[in-house]
Protein backbone atom coordinates (compact mmCIF):
# COMPACT_ATOMS: atom_id res chain seq x y z
CA MET A 1 113.20 135.46 443.41
CA ARG A 2 113.98 138.53 445.40
CA LEU A 3 117.60 139.54 446.03
CA ARG A 4 118.56 142.28 448.35
CA THR A 5 120.51 145.35 446.82
CA GLY A 6 122.09 147.60 449.04
CA ALA A 7 123.11 148.02 452.60
CA ILE A 8 120.96 145.80 455.14
CA THR A 9 119.47 148.38 457.41
CA GLU A 10 117.10 146.32 459.73
CA LEU A 11 119.41 144.27 461.50
CA GLN A 12 118.58 143.44 465.43
CA ARG A 13 121.78 143.85 467.96
CA LEU A 14 122.60 140.48 469.06
CA THR A 15 125.55 141.33 471.18
CA VAL A 16 128.09 144.36 471.08
CA SER A 17 129.73 143.05 468.03
CA LEU A 18 127.29 141.31 466.02
CA ARG A 19 124.15 142.05 464.11
CA GLY A 20 121.34 139.84 462.72
CA GLY A 21 118.32 139.53 460.27
CA PHE A 22 116.31 137.33 458.85
CA GLU A 23 114.05 137.33 455.88
CA LEU A 24 111.39 134.29 455.14
CA GLN A 25 111.61 134.41 451.18
CA ASP A 26 109.51 131.89 448.98
CA GLN A 27 112.56 129.59 448.59
CA CYS A 28 114.70 129.88 451.41
CA LEU A 29 115.07 131.15 455.20
CA LEU A 30 117.81 133.92 454.85
CA PHE A 31 119.76 135.32 457.76
CA HIS A 32 122.12 138.25 457.46
CA PHE A 33 124.88 139.13 459.91
CA THR A 34 126.97 141.80 460.55
CA GLY A 35 130.05 142.16 462.75
CA GLN A 36 132.18 139.51 464.82
CA LEU A 37 131.22 135.87 465.00
CA ASP A 38 133.54 134.88 467.63
CA ALA A 39 133.33 133.26 471.48
CA TYR A 40 131.23 136.33 472.82
CA SER A 41 128.72 136.24 470.22
CA GLU A 42 128.58 132.43 469.03
CA ARG A 43 125.45 131.76 471.56
CA GLN A 44 123.44 134.63 470.65
CA PHE A 45 124.16 133.70 466.73
CA ARG A 46 122.76 130.24 467.15
CA ASP A 47 120.04 131.39 469.30
CA PHE A 48 119.00 133.71 466.96
CA ILE A 49 118.70 131.28 464.36
CA ALA A 50 116.91 128.94 466.27
CA ALA A 51 114.21 131.77 467.41
CA HIS A 52 113.42 132.27 463.86
CA GLN A 53 112.96 128.78 462.43
CA PRO A 54 109.47 128.45 461.02
CA GLY A 55 106.40 126.34 461.63
CA PRO A 56 106.50 122.59 459.76
CA LYS A 57 105.15 124.13 456.71
CA GLN A 58 108.30 125.85 456.29
CA ALA A 59 110.64 123.43 457.82
CA LYS A 60 112.26 122.04 454.86
CA LEU A 61 113.06 125.41 453.14
CA PRO A 62 116.52 125.74 452.52
CA LEU A 63 118.72 127.95 455.44
CA VAL A 64 120.84 130.24 454.07
CA LEU A 65 123.12 132.39 455.95
CA ASP A 66 124.68 135.79 454.67
CA LEU A 67 127.98 136.38 456.30
CA THR A 68 129.14 138.78 453.65
CA HIS A 69 129.43 141.71 456.29
CA ILE A 70 131.22 139.61 459.07
CA ASP A 71 134.30 141.17 460.00
CA PHE A 72 135.67 138.30 462.06
CA LEU A 73 135.57 134.80 462.46
CA ASP A 74 137.05 132.63 464.78
CA SER A 75 136.84 128.69 466.03
CA SER A 76 133.67 129.69 468.21
CA GLY A 77 132.11 130.96 465.16
CA LEU A 78 133.01 127.95 463.30
CA GLY A 79 131.87 125.81 465.62
CA ALA A 80 128.47 127.60 465.27
CA LEU A 81 128.17 127.00 461.87
CA VAL A 82 129.13 123.20 462.11
CA GLN A 83 126.43 123.01 464.98
CA ILE A 84 123.99 124.88 462.69
CA ALA A 85 124.98 122.70 459.50
CA LYS A 86 124.68 119.50 461.39
CA GLN A 87 121.42 120.19 462.40
CA CYS A 88 120.30 120.87 458.79
CA ASN A 89 121.37 117.79 457.71
CA ASP A 90 119.80 115.48 460.40
CA SER A 91 116.78 117.09 459.32
CA LYS A 92 117.08 117.04 455.84
CA GLN A 93 117.26 120.85 455.09
CA ARG A 94 119.61 122.53 452.86
CA PHE A 95 122.24 124.62 454.09
CA LEU A 96 124.43 127.39 452.31
CA VAL A 97 126.60 129.86 453.59
CA VAL A 98 127.63 132.96 451.67
CA GLY A 99 130.96 134.86 453.08
CA ASN A 100 133.59 137.28 451.90
CA SER A 101 136.92 137.00 451.52
CA ARG A 102 137.61 136.57 455.38
CA VAL A 103 135.26 134.03 456.10
CA VAL A 104 135.97 132.11 453.07
CA GLN A 105 139.62 132.16 453.76
CA THR A 106 139.00 130.97 457.43
CA VAL A 107 136.41 128.18 456.25
CA LYS A 108 138.92 127.10 453.81
CA LEU A 109 141.66 126.90 456.08
CA VAL A 110 139.95 124.26 458.03
CA ARG A 111 138.52 122.55 455.06
CA LEU A 112 134.66 123.11 455.74
CA GLU A 113 134.23 124.62 452.92
CA SER A 114 131.70 121.68 451.36
CA PHE A 115 130.36 120.77 454.87
CA LEU A 116 129.20 124.57 454.76
CA ASN A 117 127.76 124.53 451.43
CA LEU A 118 130.16 127.64 450.87
CA GLN A 119 128.56 129.81 448.07
CA PRO A 120 130.81 132.88 446.15
CA ASP A 121 128.00 135.31 446.59
CA LEU A 122 124.31 135.52 447.72
CA ALA A 123 123.40 135.84 443.81
CA THR A 124 124.64 132.56 443.43
CA ALA A 125 123.51 130.82 446.62
CA LEU A 126 119.95 132.01 445.73
CA GLY A 127 120.38 130.93 442.21
CA SER A 128 121.23 127.37 443.27
CA LEU A 129 118.12 127.08 445.19
CA ALA A 130 115.91 127.89 442.20
CA THR A 131 117.66 125.22 439.91
CA ALA A 132 117.71 122.43 443.05
């Protein structure tokens, strides 16, 4: 299992306020985001994830969204997360979200922590994949 340490350096600019990166790992599809996930960036967020979905061979790999560097999450961002979670559920693909205190607070406020499989940190999320 590979864990990222240090700063995320290779992020693609998706909007003025959102950057994203992707890693295909042995046990998951790992997406990193930084900035704001809101009405102005949710479409680019969804498009970025869709564009990096691998072929049928890796289609069942779990999808992990690292949102620990997201500064702001609004209802549009939550809607995008719910949409992606539904797609994963429909295709029987595991889906996990890792968030910082702001993201966790917002997700818990609308009681979506179970549906989004909210994890306290990236190490815990990746560890849960290794035991599944």
